[in-house]
Amino acid sequence: MEDADIAKRDHQRNKSEIVKLVKEMFQLKKWGDEEYKKKLQDLVVKDEELVQDVIRKIKLEKGLE
C-alpha cells in the first residue's frame, strides 16, 4: 500500500471516529459537555493534520513537490 493510500485510510478512520463520537454525544444528551467537546476538538484537529498529510503524500507521489 502506498503512503497516500495509508494516509487516506487513516483519514477515513478518523472521520468515522468523529461521526461515532457525535452520535454518542446526541444519544447520551452530552452535546455541550466539556469532556466530549474536548474529545471532538482533538479529533477535528487530528483530521485537519491528516488531510494535510494526504495532500502532501499525493503531491510527492505525483512529483509535484
N, C-alpha and C. Protein backbone atom coordinates (compact mmCIF):
# COMPACT_ATOMS: atom_id res chain seq x y z
N MET A 1 0.85 -1.18 0.00
CA MET A 1 0.00 0.00 0.00
C MET A 1 0.90 1.24 0.00
N GLU A 2 0.59 2.18 -0.87
CA GLU A 2 1.39 3.41 -0.97
C GLU A 2 1.08 4.34 0.20
N ASP A 3 2.02 5.26 0.44
CA ASP A 3 1.87 6.20 1.55
C ASP A 3 0.58 6.99 1.46
N ALA A 4 0.22 7.43 0.27
CA ALA A 4 -1.01 8.22 0.11
C ALA A 4 -2.24 7.38 0.45
N ASP A 5 -2.22 6.11 0.08
CA ASP A 5 -3.35 5.23 0.40
C ASP A 5 -3.47 5.01 1.90
N ILE A 6 -2.34 4.86 2.56
CA ILE A 6 -2.35 4.69 4.02
C ILE A 6 -2.87 5.95 4.68
N ALA A 7 -2.42 7.11 4.21
CA ALA A 7 -2.87 8.38 4.77
C ALA A 7 -4.38 8.57 4.55
N LYS A 8 -4.86 8.17 3.37
CA LYS A 8 -6.30 8.27 3.08
C LYS A 8 -7.09 7.36 4.02
N ARG A 9 -6.58 6.15 4.25
CA ARG A 9 -7.24 5.21 5.14
C ARG A 9 -7.31 5.77 6.57
N ASP A 10 -6.20 6.34 7.02
CA ASP A 10 -6.16 6.93 8.37
C ASP A 10 -7.16 8.07 8.49
N HIS A 11 -7.27 8.87 7.43
CA HIS A 11 -8.22 9.98 7.40
C HIS A 11 -9.66 9.45 7.49
N GLN A 12 -9.95 8.40 6.73
CA GLN A 12 -11.30 7.80 6.77
C GLN A 12 -11.63 7.27 8.16
N ARG A 13 -10.66 6.62 8.78
CA ARG A 13 -10.88 6.10 10.13
C ARG A 13 -11.16 7.22 11.11
N ASN A 14 -10.42 8.31 10.98
CA ASN A 14 -10.63 9.43 11.90
C ASN A 14 -12.01 10.05 11.68
N LYS A 15 -12.42 10.17 10.41
CA LYS A 15 -13.75 10.70 10.14
C LYS A 15 -14.82 9.82 10.76
N SER A 16 -14.61 8.51 10.71
CA SER A 16 -15.56 7.58 11.33
C SER A 16 -15.61 7.78 12.83
N GLU A 17 -14.46 8.04 13.44
CA GLU A 17 -14.41 8.30 14.88
C GLU A 17 -15.17 9.58 15.23
N ILE A 18 -15.06 10.59 14.38
CA ILE A 18 -15.78 11.84 14.61
C ILE A 18 -17.28 11.59 14.57
N VAL A 19 -17.74 10.88 13.56
CA VAL A 19 -19.17 10.58 13.42
C VAL A 19 -19.65 9.76 14.62
N LYS A 20 -18.88 8.78 15.00
CA LYS A 20 -19.23 7.93 16.14
C LYS A 20 -19.36 8.76 17.42
N LEU A 21 -18.42 9.66 17.65
CA LEU A 21 -18.46 10.50 18.85
C LEU A 21 -19.67 11.43 18.83
N VAL A 22 -19.96 12.03 17.69
CA VAL A 22 -21.11 12.93 17.60
C VAL A 22 -22.41 12.17 17.87
N LYS A 23 -22.53 10.98 17.31
CA LYS A 23 -23.72 10.16 17.57
C LYS A 23 -23.84 9.84 19.06
N GLU A 24 -22.72 9.49 19.67
CA GLU A 24 -22.72 9.19 21.11
C GLU A 24 -23.12 10.41 21.92
N MET A 25 -22.62 11.58 21.53
CA MET A 25 -22.96 12.81 22.23
C MET A 25 -24.47 13.06 22.19
N PHE A 26 -25.09 12.85 21.05
CA PHE A 26 -26.53 13.06 20.93
C PHE A 26 -27.31 12.00 21.69
N GLN A 27 -26.89 10.73 21.59
CA GLN A 27 -27.59 9.66 22.27
C GLN A 27 -27.57 9.85 23.78
N LEU A 28 -26.44 10.29 24.31
CA LEU A 28 -26.30 10.46 25.76
C LEU A 28 -26.69 11.86 26.23
N LYS A 29 -27.17 12.67 25.27
CA LYS A 29 -27.53 14.06 25.56
C LYS A 29 -26.36 14.80 26.22
N LYS A 30 -25.19 14.58 25.65
CA LYS A 30 -23.97 15.20 26.17
C LYS A 30 -23.47 16.33 25.28
N TRP A 31 -24.33 16.77 24.34
CA TRP A 31 -23.92 17.86 23.47
C TRP A 31 -23.63 19.08 24.33
N GLY A 32 -22.44 19.62 24.21
CA GLY A 32 -22.04 20.76 25.02
C GLY A 32 -21.23 20.36 26.25
N ASP A 33 -21.19 19.08 26.57
CA ASP A 33 -20.40 18.60 27.69
C ASP A 33 -18.92 18.86 27.40
N GLU A 34 -18.21 19.45 28.35
CA GLU A 34 -16.82 19.86 28.13
C GLU A 34 -15.91 18.70 27.76
N GLU A 35 -16.10 17.55 28.40
CA GLU A 35 -15.26 16.39 28.11
C GLU A 35 -15.44 15.94 26.65
N TYR A 36 -16.69 15.90 26.21
CA TYR A 36 -16.97 15.50 24.83
C TYR A 36 -16.51 16.56 23.83
N LYS A 37 -16.67 17.83 24.20
CA LYS A 37 -16.21 18.90 23.32
C LYS A 37 -14.71 18.80 23.11
N LYS A 38 -13.96 18.48 24.17
CA LYS A 38 -12.51 18.33 24.07
C LYS A 38 -12.15 17.15 23.17
N LYS A 39 -12.84 16.02 23.36
CA LYS A 39 -12.58 14.84 22.52
C LYS A 39 -12.85 15.16 21.05
N LEU A 40 -13.97 15.84 20.80
CA LEU A 40 -14.34 16.19 19.43
C LEU A 40 -13.32 17.15 18.83
N GLN A 41 -12.91 18.15 19.60
CA GLN A 41 -11.92 19.11 19.11
C GLN A 41 -10.61 18.42 18.77
N ASP A 42 -10.19 17.48 19.62
CA ASP A 42 -8.95 16.74 19.35
C ASP A 42 -9.05 15.96 18.04
N LEU A 43 -10.21 15.33 17.80
CA LEU A 43 -10.41 14.57 16.56
C LEU A 43 -10.43 15.48 15.34
N VAL A 44 -11.02 16.66 15.49
CA VAL A 44 -11.08 17.60 14.37
C VAL A 44 -9.68 18.11 14.03
N VAL A 45 -8.89 18.43 15.04
CA VAL A 45 -7.51 18.87 14.81
C VAL A 45 -6.71 17.75 14.15
N LYS A 46 -6.88 16.53 14.65
CA LYS A 46 -6.20 15.38 14.05
C LYS A 46 -6.61 15.22 12.59
N ASP A 47 -7.90 15.42 12.30
CA ASP A 47 -8.39 15.29 10.93
C ASP A 47 -7.76 16.34 10.02
N GLU A 48 -7.64 17.54 10.51
CA GLU A 48 -7.01 18.60 9.72
C GLU A 48 -5.56 18.23 9.39
N GLU A 49 -4.87 17.66 10.36
CA GLU A 49 -3.49 17.24 10.14
C GLU A 49 -3.44 16.08 9.14
N LEU A 50 -4.37 15.15 9.25
CA LEU A 50 -4.41 14.01 8.34
C LEU A 50 -4.69 14.46 6.90
N VAL A 51 -5.57 15.44 6.73
CA VAL A 51 -5.87 15.95 5.40
C VAL A 51 -4.61 16.56 4.79
N GLN A 52 -3.88 17.33 5.57
CA GLN A 52 -2.64 17.92 5.06
C GLN A 52 -1.62 16.84 4.70
N ASP A 53 -1.59 15.76 5.49
CA ASP A 53 -0.69 14.65 5.21
C ASP A 53 -1.07 13.95 3.91
N VAL A 54 -2.37 13.75 3.69
CA VAL A 54 -2.84 13.13 2.45
C VAL A 54 -2.43 13.99 1.26
N ILE A 55 -2.66 15.26 1.34
CA ILE A 55 -2.33 16.18 0.24
C ILE A 55 -0.83 16.14 -0.05
N ARG A 56 -0.02 16.20 1.01
CA ARG A 56 1.43 16.20 0.83
C ARG A 56 1.91 14.91 0.18
N LYS A 57 1.38 13.78 0.62
CA LYS A 57 1.82 12.49 0.08
C LYS A 57 1.36 12.29 -1.36
N ILE A 58 0.18 12.76 -1.70
CA ILE A 58 -0.28 12.67 -3.09
C ILE A 58 0.62 13.52 -3.99
N LYS A 59 0.94 14.72 -3.52
CA LYS A 59 1.82 15.60 -4.30
C LYS A 59 3.19 14.96 -4.49
N LEU A 60 3.72 14.33 -3.44
CA LEU A 60 5.02 13.67 -3.53
C LEU A 60 4.96 12.53 -4.55
N GLU A 61 3.90 11.73 -4.50
CA GLU A 61 3.78 10.60 -5.43
C GLU A 61 3.64 11.06 -6.87
N LYS A 62 3.03 12.22 -7.08
CA LYS A 62 2.84 12.74 -8.44
C LYS A 62 4.02 13.61 -8.88
N GLY A 63 5.00 13.77 -7.98
CA GLY A 63 6.17 14.56 -8.31
C GLY A 63 5.92 16.05 -8.33
N LEU A 64 4.90 16.49 -7.63
CA LEU A 64 4.56 17.92 -7.61
C LEU A 64 5.27 18.66 -6.49
N GLU A 65 5.96 17.94 -5.64
CA GLU A 65 6.64 18.57 -4.51
C GLU A 65 8.01 18.02 -4.37
